[in-house]
């Protein structure tokens, strides 16, 4: 992360939670679609979510606790 981005992040983390959520939502919405995945809000996207839920509920795939996912992401950025 650049020094400018680090300074901006520091300033953003000082904002109230509601404002940080609004900024995060806008940043997320500004990202391009992930390659190979259907666009959010399309029938294909809904079908993918339905299939993933069925796979999880049937035990075909196991969930990973969010804390573990975020820990792995933080480690991968180092």
PDB file of N, CA and C in Angstrom:
ATOM      1  N   UNK A   1       0.866  -1.167   0.000  1.00  0.00           N
ATOM      2  CA  UNK A   1       0.000   0.000   0.000  1.00  0.00           C
ATOM      3  C   UNK A   1       0.910   1.227   0.000  1.00  0.00           C
ATOM      4  N   UNK A   2       0.585   2.192  -0.828  1.00  0.00           N
ATOM      5  CA  UNK A   2       1.384   3.417  -0.911  1.00  0.00           C
ATOM      6  C   UNK A   2       1.223   4.239   0.364  1.00  0.00           C
ATOM      7  N   UNK A   3       2.137   5.164   0.579  1.00  0.00           N
ATOM      8  CA  UNK A   3       2.063   6.044   1.749  1.00  0.00           C
ATOM      9  C   UNK A   3       0.786   6.884   1.710  1.00  0.00           C
ATOM     10  N   UNK A   4       0.415   7.367   0.521  1.00  0.00           N
ATOM     11  CA  UNK A   4      -0.821   8.147   0.394  1.00  0.00           C
ATOM     12  C   UNK A   4      -2.030   7.305   0.805  1.00  0.00           C
ATOM     13  N   UNK A   5      -2.040   6.051   0.359  1.00  0.00           N
ATOM     14  CA  UNK A   5      -3.158   5.167   0.700  1.00  0.00           C
ATOM     15  C   UNK A   5      -3.176   4.886   2.201  1.00  0.00           C
ATOM     16  N   UNK A   6      -2.005   4.715   2.808  1.00  0.00           N
ATOM     17  CA  UNK A   6      -1.938   4.475   4.256  1.00  0.00           C
ATOM     18  C   UNK A   6      -2.478   5.678   5.032  1.00  0.00           C
ATOM     19  N   UNK A   7      -2.129   6.882   4.581  1.00  0.00           N
ATOM     20  CA  UNK A   7      -2.633   8.096   5.239  1.00  0.00           C
ATOM     21  C   UNK A   7      -4.149   8.196   5.088  1.00  0.00           C
ATOM     22  N   UNK A   8      -4.627   7.910   3.892  1.00  0.00           N
ATOM     23  CA  UNK A   8      -6.070   7.948   3.647  1.00  0.00           C
ATOM     24  C   UNK A   8      -6.786   6.916   4.512  1.00  0.00           C
ATOM     25  N   UNK A   9      -6.233   5.703   4.581  1.00  0.00           N
ATOM     26  CA  UNK A   9      -6.838   4.652   5.400  1.00  0.00           C
ATOM     27  C   UNK A   9      -6.901   5.088   6.856  1.00  0.00           C
ATOM     28  N   UNK A  10      -5.844   5.671   7.338  1.00  0.00           N
ATOM     29  CA  UNK A  10      -5.811   6.135   8.722  1.00  0.00           C
ATOM     30  C   UNK A  10      -6.912   7.169   8.970  1.00  0.00           C
ATOM     31  N   UNK A  11      -7.055   8.108   8.041  1.00  0.00           N
ATOM     32  CA  UNK A  11      -8.099   9.134   8.181  1.00  0.00           C
ATOM     33  C   UNK A  11      -9.492   8.517   8.098  1.00  0.00           C
ATOM     34  N   UNK A  12      -9.674   7.570   7.196  1.00  0.00           N
ATOM     35  CA  UNK A  12     -10.975   6.929   7.042  1.00  0.00           C
ATOM     36  C   UNK A  12     -11.373   6.155   8.296  1.00  0.00           C
ATOM     37  N   UNK A  13     -10.410   5.529   8.936  1.00  0.00           N
ATOM     38  CA  UNK A  13     -10.708   4.750  10.138  1.00  0.00           C
ATOM     39  C   UNK A  13     -11.118   5.625  11.314  1.00  0.00           C
ATOM     40  N   UNK A  14     -10.900   6.915  11.201  1.00  0.00           N
ATOM     41  CA  UNK A  14     -11.323   7.861  12.241  1.00  0.00           C
ATOM     42  C   UNK A  14     -12.805   8.230  12.103  1.00  0.00           C
ATOM     43  N   UNK A  15     -13.391   7.951  10.948  1.00  0.00           N
ATOM     44  CA  UNK A  15     -14.787   8.311  10.694  1.00  0.00           C
ATOM     45  C   UNK A  15     -15.735   7.415  11.475  1.00  0.00           C
ATOM     46  N   UNK A  16     -16.955   7.895  11.702  1.00  0.00           N
ATOM     47  CA  UNK A  16     -17.966   7.051  12.348  1.00  0.00           C
ATOM     48  C   UNK A  16     -18.264   5.817  11.482  1.00  0.00           C
ATOM     49  N   UNK A  17     -18.715   4.771  12.137  1.00  0.00           N
ATOM     50  CA  UNK A  17     -18.979   3.500  11.454  1.00  0.00           C
ATOM     51  C   UNK A  17     -19.926   3.674  10.271  1.00  0.00           C
ATOM     52  N   UNK A  18     -20.993   4.421  10.433  1.00  0.00           N
ATOM     53  CA  UNK A  18     -21.968   4.592   9.341  1.00  0.00           C
ATOM     54  C   UNK A  18     -21.308   5.193   8.111  1.00  0.00           C
ATOM     55  N   UNK A  19     -20.429   6.159   8.309  1.00  0.00           N
ATOM     56  CA  UNK A  19     -19.756   6.776   7.163  1.00  0.00           C
ATOM     57  C   UNK A  19     -18.757   5.809   6.536  1.00  0.00           C
ATOM     58  N   UNK A  20     -18.056   5.037   7.356  1.00  0.00           N
ATOM     59  CA  UNK A  20     -17.115   4.045   6.811  1.00  0.00           C
ATOM     60  C   UNK A  20     -17.863   2.991   6.005  1.00  0.00           C
ATOM     61  N   UNK A  21     -19.041   2.575   6.495  1.00  0.00           N
ATOM     62  CA  UNK A  21     -19.833   1.591   5.746  1.00  0.00           C
ATOM     63  C   UNK A  21     -20.281   2.141   4.399  1.00  0.00           C
ATOM     64  N   UNK A  22     -20.692   3.393   4.383  1.00  0.00           N
ATOM     65  CA  UNK A  22     -21.120   4.006   3.123  1.00  0.00           C
ATOM     66  C   UNK A  22     -19.954   4.093   2.140  1.00  0.00           C
ATOM     67  N   UNK A  23     -18.791   4.471   2.634  1.00  0.00           N
ATOM     68  CA  UNK A  23     -17.610   4.550   1.769  1.00  0.00           C
ATOM     69  C   UNK A  23     -17.236   3.162   1.268  1.00  0.00           C
ATOM     70  N   UNK A  24     -17.244   2.172   2.164  1.00  0.00           N
ATOM     71  CA  UNK A  24     -16.903   0.803   1.759  1.00  0.00           C
ATOM     72  C   UNK A  24     -17.874   0.290   0.699  1.00  0.00           C
ATOM     73  N   UNK A  25     -19.152   0.581   0.879  1.00  0.00           N
ATOM     74  CA  UNK A  25     -20.158   0.150  -0.090  1.00  0.00           C
ATOM     75  C   UNK A  25     -19.897   0.780  -1.453  1.00  0.00           C
ATOM     76  N   UNK A  26     -19.577   2.061  -1.460  1.00  0.00           N
ATOM     77  CA  UNK A  26     -19.296   2.745  -2.725  1.00  0.00           C
ATOM     78  C   UNK A  26     -18.025   2.220  -3.380  1.00  0.00           C
ATOM     79  N   UNK A  27     -17.007   1.953  -2.581  1.00  0.00           N
ATOM     80  CA  UNK A  27     -15.774   1.390  -3.149  1.00  0.00           C
ATOM     81  C   UNK A  27     -16.032   0.013  -3.740  1.00  0.00           C
ATOM     82  N   UNK A  28     -16.796  -0.806  -3.010  1.00  0.00           N
ATOM     83  CA  UNK A  28     -17.110  -2.145  -3.509  1.00  0.00           C
ATOM     84  C   UNK A  28     -17.882  -2.064  -4.827  1.00  0.00           C
ATOM     85  N   UNK A  29     -18.847  -1.168  -4.879  1.00  0.00           N
ATOM     86  CA  UNK A  29     -19.661  -1.016  -6.093  1.00  0.00           C
ATOM     87  C   UNK A  29     -18.828  -0.531  -7.275  1.00  0.00           C
ATOM     88  N   UNK A  30     -17.707   0.125  -6.999  1.00  0.00           N
ATOM     89  CA  UNK A  30     -16.882   0.662  -8.081  1.00  0.00           C
ATOM     90  C   UNK A  30     -15.946  -0.378  -8.690  1.00  0.00           C
ATOM     91  N   UNK A  31     -15.834  -1.547  -8.052  1.00  0.00           N
ATOM     92  CA  UNK A  31     -14.915  -2.566  -8.552  1.00  0.00           C
ATOM     93  C   UNK A  31     -15.481  -3.248  -9.792  1.00  0.00           C
ATOM     94  N   UNK A  32     -14.591  -3.645 -10.706  1.00  0.00           N
ATOM     95  CA  UNK A  32     -15.071  -4.390 -11.875  1.00  0.00           C
ATOM     96  C   UNK A  32     -15.490  -5.792 -11.456  1.00  0.00           C
ATOM     97  N   UNK A  33     -16.341  -6.437 -12.250  1.00  0.00           N
ATOM     98  CA  UNK A  33     -16.745  -7.809 -11.918  1.00  0.00           C
ATOM     99  C   UNK A  33     -15.531  -8.738 -11.901  1.00  0.00           C
ATOM    100  N   UNK A  34     -15.583  -9.748 -11.057  1.00  0.00           N
ATOM    101  CA  UNK A  34     -14.502 -10.729 -11.006  1.00  0.00           C
ATOM    102  C   UNK A  34     -14.531 -11.558 -12.290  1.00  0.00           C
ATOM    103  N   UNK A  35     -13.366 -11.777 -12.874  1.00  0.00           N
ATOM    104  CA  UNK A  35     -13.324 -12.570 -14.108  1.00  0.00           C
ATOM    105  C   UNK A  35     -13.873 -13.976 -13.882  1.00  0.00           C
ATOM    106  N   UNK A  36     -14.710 -14.426 -14.794  1.00  0.00           N
ATOM    107  CA  UNK A  36     -15.242 -15.777 -14.736  1.00  0.00           C
ATOM    108  C   UNK A  36     -16.442 -15.952 -13.828  1.00  0.00           C
ATOM    109  N   UNK A  37     -16.855 -14.901 -13.126  1.00  0.00           N
ATOM    110  CA  UNK A  37     -18.024 -15.000 -12.263  1.00  0.00           C
ATOM    111  C   UNK A  37     -19.150 -14.149 -12.824  1.00  0.00           C
ATOM    112  N   UNK A  38     -20.389 -14.597 -12.635  1.00  0.00           N
ATOM    113  CA  UNK A  38     -21.522 -13.807 -13.133  1.00  0.00           C
ATOM    114  C   UNK A  38     -21.641 -12.494 -12.369  1.00  0.00           C
ATOM    115  N   UNK A  39     -22.228 -11.515 -12.992  1.00  0.00           N
ATOM    116  CA  UNK A  39     -22.415 -10.197 -12.400  1.00  0.00           C
ATOM    117  C   UNK A  39     -23.525 -10.240 -11.366  1.00  0.00           C
ATOM    118  N   UNK A  40     -23.280  -9.596 -10.223  1.00  0.00           N
ATOM    119  CA  UNK A  40     -24.259  -9.558  -9.141  1.00  0.00           C
ATOM    120  C   UNK A  40     -25.586  -9.001  -9.649  1.00  0.00           C
ATOM    121  N   UNK A  41     -26.678  -9.628  -9.220  1.00  0.00           N
ATOM    122  CA  UNK A  41     -28.009  -9.165  -9.597  1.00  0.00           C
ATOM    123  C   UNK A  41     -28.569  -9.819 -10.841  1.00  0.00           C
ATOM    124  N   UNK A  42     -27.781 -10.669 -11.505  1.00  0.00           N
ATOM    125  CA  UNK A  42     -28.268 -11.360 -12.700  1.00  0.00           C
ATOM    126  C   UNK A  42     -28.823 -12.725 -12.312  1.00  0.00           C
ATOM    127  N   UNK A  43     -29.645 -13.319 -13.174  1.00  0.00           N
ATOM    128  CA  UNK A  43     -30.142 -14.674 -12.890  1.00  0.00           C
ATOM    129  C   UNK A  43     -29.003 -15.687 -12.720  1.00  0.00           C
ATOM    130  N   UNK A  44     -27.926 -15.511 -13.482  1.00  0.00           N
ATOM    131  CA  UNK A  44     -26.778 -16.416 -13.379  1.00  0.00           C
ATOM    132  C   UNK A  44     -26.128 -16.315 -12.002  1.00  0.00           C
ATOM    133  N   UNK A  45     -26.050 -15.099 -11.483  1.00  0.00           N
ATOM    134  CA  UNK A  45     -25.474 -14.881 -10.155  1.00  0.00           C
ATOM    135  C   UNK A  45     -26.348 -15.541  -9.091  1.00  0.00           C
ATOM    136  N   UNK A  46     -27.653 -15.344  -9.196  1.00  0.00           N
ATOM    137  CA  UNK A  46     -28.580 -15.955  -8.240  1.00  0.00           C
ATOM    138  C   UNK A  46     -28.494 -17.478  -8.292  1.00  0.00           C
ATOM    139  N   UNK A  47     -28.358 -18.043  -9.490  1.00  0.00           N
ATOM    140  CA  UNK A  47     -28.241 -19.492  -9.637  1.00  0.00           C
ATOM    141  C   UNK A  47     -26.952 -19.989  -8.986  1.00  0.00           C
ATOM    142  N   UNK A  48     -25.860 -19.231  -9.142  1.00  0.00           N
ATOM    143  CA  UNK A  48     -24.594 -19.605  -8.530  1.00  0.00           C
ATOM    144  C   UNK A  48     -24.725 -19.596  -6.998  1.00  0.00           C
ATOM    145  N   UNK A  49     -25.365 -18.556  -6.450  1.00  0.00           N
ATOM    146  CA  UNK A  49     -25.558 -18.489  -5.003  1.00  0.00           C
ATOM    147  C   UNK A  49     -26.415 -19.645  -4.509  1.00  0.00           C
ATOM    148  N   UNK A  50     -27.487 -19.957  -5.237  1.00  0.00           N
ATOM    149  CA  UNK A  50     -28.355 -21.074  -4.861  1.00  0.00           C
ATOM    150  C   UNK A  50     -27.573 -22.390  -4.840  1.00  0.00           C
ATOM    151  N   UNK A  51     -26.732 -22.594  -5.857  1.00  0.00           N
ATOM    152  CA  UNK A  51     -25.941 -23.827  -5.933  1.00  0.00           C
ATOM    153  C   UNK A  51     -24.948 -23.888  -4.774  1.00  0.00           C
ATOM    154  N   UNK A  52     -24.301 -22.776  -4.483  1.00  0.00           N
ATOM    155  CA  UNK A  52     -23.341 -22.756  -3.370  1.00  0.00           C
ATOM    156  C   UNK A  52     -24.031 -23.041  -2.042  1.00  0.00           C
ATOM    157  N   UNK A  53     -25.227 -22.508  -1.863  1.00  0.00           N
ATOM    158  CA  UNK A  53     -25.970 -22.762  -0.631  1.00  0.00           C
ATOM    159  C   UNK A  53     -26.347 -24.239  -0.532  1.00  0.00           C
ATOM    160  N   UNK A  54     -26.805 -24.818  -1.646  1.00  0.00           N
ATOM    161  CA  UNK A  54     -27.147 -26.249  -1.643  1.00  0.00           C
ATOM    162  C   UNK A  54     -25.909 -27.089  -1.315  1.00  0.00           C
ATOM    163  N   UNK A  55     -24.765 -26.730  -1.890  1.00  0.00           N
ATOM    164  CA  UNK A  55     -23.526 -27.467  -1.622  1.00  0.00           C
ATOM    165  C   UNK A  55     -23.145 -27.383  -0.145  1.00  0.00           C
ATOM    166  N   UNK A  56     -23.325 -26.214   0.445  1.00  0.00           N
ATOM    167  CA  UNK A  56     -23.009 -26.032   1.862  1.00  0.00           C
ATOM    168  C   UNK A  56     -23.983 -26.821   2.743  1.00  0.00           C
ATOM    169  N   UNK A  57     -25.263 -26.683   2.460  1.00  0.00           N
ATOM    170  CA  UNK A  57     -26.283 -27.356   3.278  1.00  0.00           C
ATOM    171  C   UNK A  57     -26.193 -28.880   3.180  1.00  0.00           C
ATOM    172  N   UNK A  58     -25.750 -29.388   2.049  1.00  0.00           N
ATOM    173  CA  UNK A  58     -25.643 -30.842   1.872  1.00  0.00           C
ATOM    174  C   UNK A  58     -24.352 -31.391   2.469  1.00  0.00           C
ATOM    175  N   UNK A  59     -23.438 -30.516   2.858  1.00  0.00           N
ATOM    176  CA  UNK A  59     -22.159 -30.961   3.401  1.00  0.00           C
ATOM    177  C   UNK A  59     -21.104 -31.192   2.337  1.00  0.00           C
ATOM    178  N   UNK A  60     -21.441 -30.918   1.087  1.00  0.00           N
ATOM    179  CA  UNK A  60     -20.480 -31.098  -0.009  1.00  0.00           C
ATOM    180  C   UNK A  60     -19.277 -30.181   0.173  1.00  0.00           C
ATOM    181  N   UNK A  61     -19.516 -28.980   0.692  1.00  0.00           N
ATOM    182  CA  UNK A  61     -18.422 -28.049   1.006  1.00  0.00           C
ATOM    183  C   UNK A  61     -18.583 -27.610   2.460  1.00  0.00           C
ATOM    184  N   UNK A  62     -17.451 -27.248   3.076  1.00  0.00           N
ATOM    185  CA  UNK A  62     -17.469 -26.792   4.458  1.00  0.00           C
ATOM    186  C   UNK A  62     -17.232 -25.284   4.477  1.00  0.00           C
ATOM    187  N   UNK A  63     -17.871 -24.639   5.419  1.00  0.00           N
ATOM    188  CA  UNK A  63     -17.652 -23.212   5.597  1.00  0.00           C
ATOM    189  C   UNK A  63     -16.346 -22.946   6.338  1.00  0.00           C
ATOM    190  N   UNK A  64     -15.836 -21.748   6.173  1.00  0.00           N
ATOM    191  CA  UNK A  64     -14.649 -21.304   6.893  1.00  0.00           C
ATOM    192  C   UNK A  64     -15.070 -20.097   7.715  1.00  0.00           C
ATOM    193  N   UNK A  65     -14.781 -20.093   9.018  1.00  0.00           N
ATOM    194  CA  UNK A  65     -15.155 -18.941   9.838  1.00  0.00           C
ATOM    195  C   UNK A  65     -14.560 -17.647   9.278  1.00  0.00           C
ATOM    196  N   UNK A  66     -15.340 -16.579   9.336  1.00  0.00           N
ATOM    197  CA  UNK A  66     -14.906 -15.296   8.773  1.00  0.00           C
ATOM    198  C   UNK A  66     -13.581 -14.846   9.361  1.00  0.00           C
ATOM    199  N   UNK A  67     -13.381 -15.035  10.663  1.00  0.00           N
ATOM    200  CA  UNK A  67     -12.116 -14.627  11.287  1.00  0.00           C
ATOM    201  C   UNK A  67     -10.931 -15.299  10.611  1.00  0.00           C
ATOM    202  N   UNK A  68     -11.099 -16.571  10.259  1.00  0.00           N
ATOM    203  CA  UNK A  68     -10.023 -17.305   9.600  1.00  0.00           C
ATOM    204  C   UNK A  68      -9.786 -16.778   8.190  1.00  0.00           C
ATOM    205  N   UNK A  69     -10.849 -16.492   7.468  1.00  0.00           N
ATOM    206  CA  UNK A  69     -10.724 -15.951   6.110  1.00  0.00           C
ATOM    207  C   UNK A  69      -9.969 -14.622   6.146  1.00  0.00           C
ATOM    208  N   UNK A  70     -10.371 -13.732   7.054  1.00  0.00           N
ATOM    209  CA  UNK A  70      -9.717 -12.423   7.134  1.00  0.00           C
ATOM    210  C   UNK A  70      -8.263 -12.558   7.576  1.00  0.00           C
ATOM    211  N   UNK A  71      -7.965 -13.506   8.474  1.00  0.00           N
ATOM    212  CA  UNK A  71      -6.582 -13.731   8.891  1.00  0.00           C
ATOM    213  C   UNK A  71      -5.740 -14.168   7.692  1.00  0.00           C
ATOM    214  N   UNK A  72      -6.274 -15.094   6.901  1.00  0.00           N
ATOM    215  CA  UNK A  72      -5.554 -15.567   5.714  1.00  0.00           C
ATOM    216  C   UNK A  72      -5.330 -14.429   4.714  1.00  0.00           C
ATOM    217  N   UNK A  73      -6.341 -13.581   4.529  1.00  0.00           N
ATOM    218  CA  UNK A  73      -6.197 -12.453   3.609  1.00  0.00           C
ATOM    219  C   UNK A  73      -5.119 -11.485   4.085  1.00  0.00           C
ATOM    220  N   UNK A  74      -5.109 -11.202   5.403  1.00  0.00           N
ATOM    221  CA  UNK A  74      -4.090 -10.298   5.938  1.00  0.00           C
ATOM    222  C   UNK A  74      -2.690 -10.887   5.731  1.00  0.00           C
ATOM    223  N   UNK A  75      -2.541 -12.177   5.977  1.00  0.00           N
ATOM    224  CA  UNK A  75      -1.242 -12.823   5.795  1.00  0.00           C
ATOM    225  C   UNK A  75      -0.807 -12.813   4.337  1.00  0.00           C
ATOM    226  N   UNK A  76      -1.756 -12.989   3.431  1.00  0.00           N
ATOM    227  CA  UNK A  76      -1.427 -13.019   2.006  1.00  0.00           C
ATOM    228  C   UNK A  76      -0.956 -11.659   1.500  1.00  0.00           C
ATOM    229  N   UNK A  77      -1.389 -10.582   2.154  1.00  0.00           N
ATOM    230  CA  UNK A  77      -0.984  -9.230   1.725  1.00  0.00           C
ATOM    231  C   UNK A  77       0.418  -8.894   2.176  1.00  0.00           C
ATOM    232  N   UNK A  78       0.968  -9.650   3.111  1.00  0.00           N
ATOM    233  CA  UNK A  78       2.312  -9.345   3.635  1.00  0.00           C
ATOM    234  C   UNK A  78       3.393  -9.764   2.707  1.00  0.00           C
TER     235      UNK A  78
END
